[in-house]
Amino acid sequence: MEGTLTQELGDHSELTSRVLSELTALRSKPGRLTVQKFLPFEALRLVCGGNDLLDAFMMFEREMRRFESGARNEAAAALSICAKADSVLDRLQLTAEALSGADVKDQRSARRWSDAGLKTIATELVYLADIQGRLGSELLGIEVTGTAESGLMVVIDQMTTVSLPSRAPMIRLWAYGVDDEPEERELVVDLEDHPVTTASRGVYTMKRHRVTLPLPDLPATDDELKLLSISVEGRDAPMRTVTLENHAKLPHGFEIRFAVYRTIATIDLVAIKQ
């Protein structure tokens, strides 16, 4: 597993310089702000969304809107990137008009304000990324064991960088009936409330969580039927890698299926047609 981004780049000062450089390049790039225009800027993707492009772009847009209503320099920086114009000169023109009034339309002043504001924005984006865990990464290993009689034992190994403030995953369980509709009950297991084994070495820390989940009755079926869904929901680092080992010993005709979407891993128990 890779270390934190700040470890790779040396320190926060170096990372902030890289973010500032990319903000300046983004401002100079022709065209209005779009996800495609934002795509090439790796440091911005990392600090805004843990390298998830869509998350990063949405967060960046939210932050720019916030800065637009802030102090003059930060507002100028945000407007010079996000104003509805294709060229940087036109965006600076709109910035000058928005911040100076109709009688003062000095692009050079708008650029000076923007240059100063970009420095503040770069520093704040790195700070927010650090405290919200975007500069760390996480490896989540899930092992499923058990039988129809004993229930499923789910063992979750959560490895994170030591500097990443992490919480235990949330487990949710849904039992399904023969009509393939969720039953009224939903079992929620917050692993923060369960004992955990922890070990640390170097920049990494490992937490092992164990939980036993009851299985619903396994009915005979003439069609494929999902009986149980277990979701393992991460609540911190978006830079997550998830793996699954299935050692469950289930009756013939039943299988475990696995899917991952961003911070959620789902394990389904499925009865298949005989």
Protein backbone atom coordinates (compact mmCIF):
# COMPACT_ATOMS: atom_id res chain seq x y z
CA MET A 1 0.00 0.00 0.00
CA GLU A 2 1.29 3.44 -0.87
CA GLY A 3 2.10 5.97 1.80
CA THR A 4 0.48 9.32 2.18
CA LEU A 5 0.77 11.88 -0.57
CA THR A 6 2.66 14.26 1.70
CA GLN A 7 5.23 11.53 2.42
CA GLU A 8 5.74 11.00 -1.32
CA LEU A 9 6.20 14.73 -1.98
CA GLY A 10 8.26 15.50 1.11
CA ASP A 11 6.14 17.86 3.20
CA HIS A 12 3.06 20.06 3.22
CA SER A 13 5.01 23.01 1.82
CA GLU A 14 6.02 21.06 -1.26
CA LEU A 15 2.48 19.72 -1.74
CA THR A 16 1.04 23.21 -1.36
CA SER A 17 3.45 24.50 -4.00
CA ARG A 18 2.34 21.78 -6.39
CA VAL A 19 -1.35 22.55 -5.78
CA LEU A 20 -0.66 26.27 -6.33
CA SER A 21 1.11 25.51 -9.59
CA GLU A 22 -1.84 23.44 -10.79
CA LEU A 23 -4.36 26.10 -9.75
CA THR A 24 -2.41 28.66 -11.77
CA ALA A 25 -2.28 26.32 -14.77
CA LEU A 26 -6.00 25.59 -14.46
CA ARG A 27 -6.75 29.32 -14.45
CA SER A 28 -4.70 29.80 -17.63
CA LYS A 29 -6.23 26.86 -19.48
CA PRO A 30 -8.81 27.92 -22.11
CA GLY A 31 -12.44 26.96 -21.81
CA ARG A 32 -14.92 26.99 -18.97
CA LEU A 33 -14.45 24.81 -15.93
CA THR A 34 -15.55 21.24 -16.66
CA VAL A 35 -14.60 17.83 -15.34
CA GLN A 36 -12.57 17.24 -18.52
CA LYS A 37 -10.63 20.45 -17.99
CA PHE A 38 -10.01 19.49 -14.35
CA LEU A 39 -8.88 15.93 -15.19
CA PRO A 40 -5.13 16.46 -15.88
CA PHE A 41 -4.39 18.06 -12.50
CA GLU A 42 -3.25 15.17 -10.31
CA ALA A 43 -2.50 17.09 -7.11
CA LEU A 44 -5.89 18.81 -7.19
CA ARG A 45 -7.61 15.44 -7.73
CA LEU A 46 -5.75 13.98 -4.77
CA VAL A 47 -6.34 16.77 -2.28
CA CYS A 48 -9.96 17.32 -3.30
CA GLY A 49 -11.11 13.73 -3.69
CA GLY A 50 -8.42 11.20 -2.87
CA ASN A 51 -7.83 10.76 -6.62
CA ASP A 52 -11.50 10.02 -7.33
CA LEU A 53 -12.15 12.36 -10.27
CA LEU A 54 -15.88 12.91 -9.74
CA ASP A 55 -15.59 13.42 -5.98
CA ALA A 56 -12.65 15.75 -6.48
CA PHE A 57 -14.37 17.86 -9.12
CA MET A 58 -17.57 18.22 -7.09
CA MET A 59 -15.63 19.16 -3.96
CA PHE A 60 -13.51 21.64 -5.93
CA GLU A 61 -16.63 23.32 -7.33
CA ARG A 62 -18.12 23.57 -3.83
CA GLU A 63 -14.94 25.14 -2.47
CA MET A 64 -14.75 27.61 -5.34
CA ARG A 65 -18.33 28.73 -4.68
CA ARG A 66 -17.42 29.23 -1.02
CA PHE A 67 -14.36 31.29 -1.91
CA GLU A 68 -16.38 33.41 -4.34
CA SER A 69 -18.35 34.76 -1.36
CA GLY A 70 -15.24 35.30 0.78
CA ALA A 71 -12.47 37.89 0.96
CA ARG A 72 -11.53 39.87 -2.15
CA ASN A 73 -8.36 37.98 -3.10
CA GLU A 74 -9.87 34.52 -2.66
CA ALA A 75 -13.02 35.62 -4.50
CA ALA A 76 -10.88 36.91 -7.36
CA ALA A 77 -8.99 33.62 -7.54
CA ALA A 78 -12.18 31.56 -7.61
CA LEU A 79 -13.85 33.80 -10.18
CA SER A 80 -10.78 33.81 -12.42
CA ILE A 81 -11.13 30.01 -12.63
CA CYS A 82 -14.92 29.61 -12.62
CA ALA A 83 -16.32 32.71 -14.37
CA LYS A 84 -18.47 31.90 -17.40
CA ALA A 85 -15.93 32.82 -20.07
CA ASP A 86 -13.59 30.83 -22.28
CA SER A 87 -10.35 32.81 -22.03
CA VAL A 88 -8.41 33.80 -18.93
CA LEU A 89 -8.50 37.46 -20.00
CA ASP A 90 -12.28 37.40 -20.25
CA ARG A 91 -12.54 35.69 -16.86
CA LEU A 92 -10.25 38.33 -15.34
CA GLN A 93 -12.40 41.02 -16.97
CA LEU A 94 -15.51 39.57 -15.35
CA THR A 95 -13.64 39.29 -12.06
CA ALA A 96 -12.63 42.95 -12.14
CA GLU A 97 -16.20 43.99 -12.90
CA ALA A 98 -17.64 41.82 -10.15
CA LEU A 99 -15.22 43.02 -7.47
CA SER A 100 -14.47 46.62 -8.51
CA GLY A 101 -17.84 47.83 -9.71
CA ALA A 102 -18.86 48.93 -13.18
CA ASP A 103 -16.59 52.00 -13.20
CA VAL A 104 -13.33 50.13 -12.53
CA LYS A 105 -12.44 47.39 -15.00
CA ASP A 106 -8.74 46.74 -14.43
CA GLN A 107 -7.68 43.21 -15.43
CA ARG A 108 -4.21 43.76 -13.96
CA SER A 109 -5.68 44.40 -10.51
CA ALA A 110 -7.89 41.31 -10.90
CA ARG A 111 -4.82 39.20 -11.75
CA ARG A 112 -2.88 40.53 -8.73
CA TRP A 113 -5.80 39.74 -6.44
CA SER A 114 -6.19 36.32 -8.05
CA ASP A 115 -2.48 35.49 -7.66
CA ALA A 116 -2.66 36.29 -3.95
CA GLY A 117 -5.92 34.41 -3.52
CA LEU A 118 -4.62 31.26 -5.23
CA LYS A 119 -1.87 31.01 -2.58
CA THR A 120 -4.47 31.07 0.20
CA ILE A 121 -6.70 28.56 -1.61
CA ALA A 122 -3.79 26.15 -2.18
CA THR A 123 -2.87 26.25 1.50
CA GLU A 124 -6.46 25.70 2.60
CA LEU A 125 -7.13 22.83 0.17
CA VAL A 126 -4.07 20.95 1.48
CA TYR A 127 -5.08 21.63 5.08
CA LEU A 128 -8.64 20.39 4.49
CA ALA A 129 -7.37 17.30 2.69
CA ASP A 130 -5.09 16.47 5.61
CA ILE A 131 -7.70 16.79 8.36
CA GLN A 132 -10.35 14.97 6.32
CA GLY A 133 -8.08 12.05 5.53
CA ARG A 134 -7.71 12.50 1.78
CA LEU A 135 -3.92 12.32 1.96
CA GLY A 136 -3.97 8.82 3.40
CA SER A 137 -4.86 5.49 1.86
CA GLU A 138 -6.54 2.39 3.19
CA LEU A 139 -6.46 -1.35 2.45
CA LEU A 140 -9.58 -3.23 3.52
CA GLY A 141 -9.34 -7.04 3.50
CA ILE A 142 -12.57 -9.00 4.02
CA GLU A 143 -12.58 -12.73 4.85
CA VAL A 144 -15.84 -14.69 5.00
CA THR A 145 -15.98 -18.06 6.78
CA GLY A 146 -18.69 -20.14 8.44
CA THR A 147 -21.51 -22.54 7.61
CA ALA A 148 -25.28 -22.47 7.36
CA GLU A 149 -25.44 -23.74 10.95
CA SER A 150 -22.85 -21.48 12.55
CA GLY A 151 -23.61 -18.33 10.57
CA LEU A 152 -21.14 -16.22 8.63
CA MET A 153 -18.01 -14.95 10.35
CA VAL A 154 -16.79 -11.74 8.68
CA VAL A 155 -13.20 -10.76 9.48
CA ILE A 156 -12.16 -7.28 8.33
CA ASP A 157 -8.51 -6.27 8.30
CA GLN A 158 -8.27 -2.49 8.05
CA MET A 159 -4.79 -1.17 7.24
CA THR A 160 -4.31 2.59 7.13
CA THR A 161 -1.49 5.07 7.27
CA VAL A 162 -0.88 6.02 10.91
CA SER A 163 -1.58 9.70 10.27
CA LEU A 164 -5.02 8.94 8.84
CA PRO A 165 -7.82 9.43 11.41
CA SER A 166 -9.90 6.34 10.70
CA ARG A 167 -13.06 4.85 12.10
CA ALA A 168 -14.10 1.22 11.94
CA PRO A 169 -16.35 0.28 9.01
CA MET A 170 -20.12 0.05 9.38
CA ILE A 171 -21.74 -3.33 8.71
CA ARG A 172 -25.30 -3.47 7.41
CA LEU A 173 -27.22 -6.66 6.78
CA TRP A 174 -30.45 -7.13 4.85
CA ALA A 175 -32.40 -10.41 4.85
CA TYR A 176 -34.62 -11.10 1.82
CA GLY A 177 -37.76 -13.19 1.53
CA VAL A 178 -38.84 -15.53 -1.25
CA ASP A 179 -40.59 -12.62 -3.02
CA ASP A 180 -37.16 -10.94 -3.34
CA GLU A 181 -38.25 -7.99 -1.24
CA PRO A 182 -36.38 -6.86 1.89
CA GLU A 183 -37.93 -7.98 5.13
CA GLU A 184 -38.82 -5.39 7.74
CA ARG A 185 -35.72 -6.02 9.80
CA GLU A 186 -32.30 -4.60 8.99
CA LEU A 187 -29.32 -5.50 11.14
CA VAL A 188 -26.76 -2.71 11.61
CA VAL A 189 -23.43 -3.49 13.28
CA ASP A 190 -21.20 -0.55 14.13
CA LEU A 191 -17.73 -2.04 14.53
CA GLU A 192 -16.73 0.95 16.65
CA ASP A 193 -18.71 -0.79 19.43
CA HIS A 194 -16.90 -4.15 19.09
CA PRO A 195 -13.49 -5.29 20.37
CA VAL A 196 -10.66 -4.78 17.92
CA THR A 197 -7.09 -6.03 17.67
CA THR A 198 -4.65 -3.26 16.72
CA ALA A 199 -0.99 -3.32 15.68
CA SER A 200 1.23 -0.58 14.24
CA ARG A 201 4.50 -0.67 12.35
CA GLY A 202 6.23 2.29 10.76
CA VAL A 203 3.70 4.52 9.01
CA TYR A 204 0.95 1.89 9.02
CA THR A 205 -1.59 0.65 11.52
CA MET A 206 -3.65 -2.55 11.27
CA LYS A 207 -7.02 -3.15 12.92
CA ARG A 208 -8.74 -6.55 12.81
CA HIS A 209 -12.51 -6.61 13.31
CA ARG A 210 -14.61 -9.77 13.70
CA VAL A 211 -18.39 -10.11 13.61
CA THR A 212 -20.67 -13.15 13.28
CA LEU A 213 -23.85 -12.63 11.29
CA PRO A 214 -26.84 -15.01 11.43
CA LEU A 215 -27.98 -16.61 8.20
CA PRO A 216 -31.64 -16.68 7.14
CA ASP A 217 -33.28 -20.00 6.33
CA LEU A 218 -31.98 -21.43 3.07
CA PRO A 219 -35.13 -22.41 1.15
CA ALA A 220 -35.32 -24.70 -1.84
CA THR A 221 -35.72 -22.58 -4.95
CA ASP A 222 -36.43 -23.02 -8.65
CA ASP A 223 -34.92 -19.67 -9.50
CA GLU A 224 -31.99 -17.49 -8.49
CA LEU A 225 -32.75 -15.72 -5.23
CA LYS A 226 -30.71 -13.27 -3.18
CA LEU A 227 -31.09 -14.19 0.48
CA LEU A 228 -28.69 -11.92 2.29
CA SER A 229 -26.75 -8.73 1.58
CA ILE A 230 -23.89 -7.55 3.76
CA SER A 231 -22.46 -4.08 3.12
CA VAL A 232 -19.12 -3.01 4.56
CA GLU A 233 -19.14 0.78 4.50
CA GLY A 234 -15.92 2.72 4.94
CA ARG A 235 -16.30 6.07 6.66
CA ASP A 236 -12.96 7.77 6.04
CA ALA A 237 -10.29 7.47 3.35
CA PRO A 238 -11.72 7.48 -0.18
CA MET A 239 -8.42 6.05 -1.49
CA ARG A 240 -9.44 2.52 -0.59
CA THR A 241 -8.47 -0.87 -1.96
CA VAL A 242 -10.78 -3.75 -1.01
CA THR A 243 -10.10 -7.49 -1.35
CA LEU A 244 -12.25 -10.54 -0.47
CA GLU A 245 -11.39 -14.10 0.52
CA ASN A 246 -14.37 -16.46 0.65
CA HIS A 247 -13.87 -19.58 2.79
CA ALA A 248 -17.52 -20.11 3.73
CA LYS A 249 -18.76 -23.72 3.46
CA LEU A 250 -22.33 -23.47 2.29
CA PRO A 251 -24.75 -26.14 1.04
CA HIS A 252 -24.77 -26.98 -2.66
CA GLY A 253 -26.69 -24.38 -4.62
CA PHE A 254 -25.63 -21.32 -2.64
CA GLU A 255 -22.79 -18.94 -3.43
CA ILE A 256 -21.16 -15.72 -2.27
CA ARG A 257 -20.92 -12.75 -4.65
CA PHE A 258 -18.82 -9.63 -4.15
CA ALA A 259 -18.93 -6.08 -5.52
CA VAL A 260 -17.18 -2.80 -4.66
CA TYR A 261 -18.30 0.74 -5.41
CA ARG A 262 -16.08 3.50 -4.04
CA THR A 263 -16.16 3.17 -0.24
CA ILE A 264 -18.79 0.41 -0.06
CA ALA A 265 -18.11 -3.33 -0.45
CA THR A 266 -21.14 -5.62 -0.77
CA ILE A 267 -21.26 -9.35 -0.16
CA ASP A 268 -24.40 -11.20 -1.32
CA LEU A 269 -25.51 -14.70 -0.37
CA VAL A 270 -27.39 -16.06 -3.38
CA ALA A 271 -29.41 -19.25 -3.87
CA ILE A 272 -28.95 -20.36 -7.47
CA LYS A 273 -31.33 -22.41 -9.59
CA GLN A 274 -30.82 -26.18 -9.25
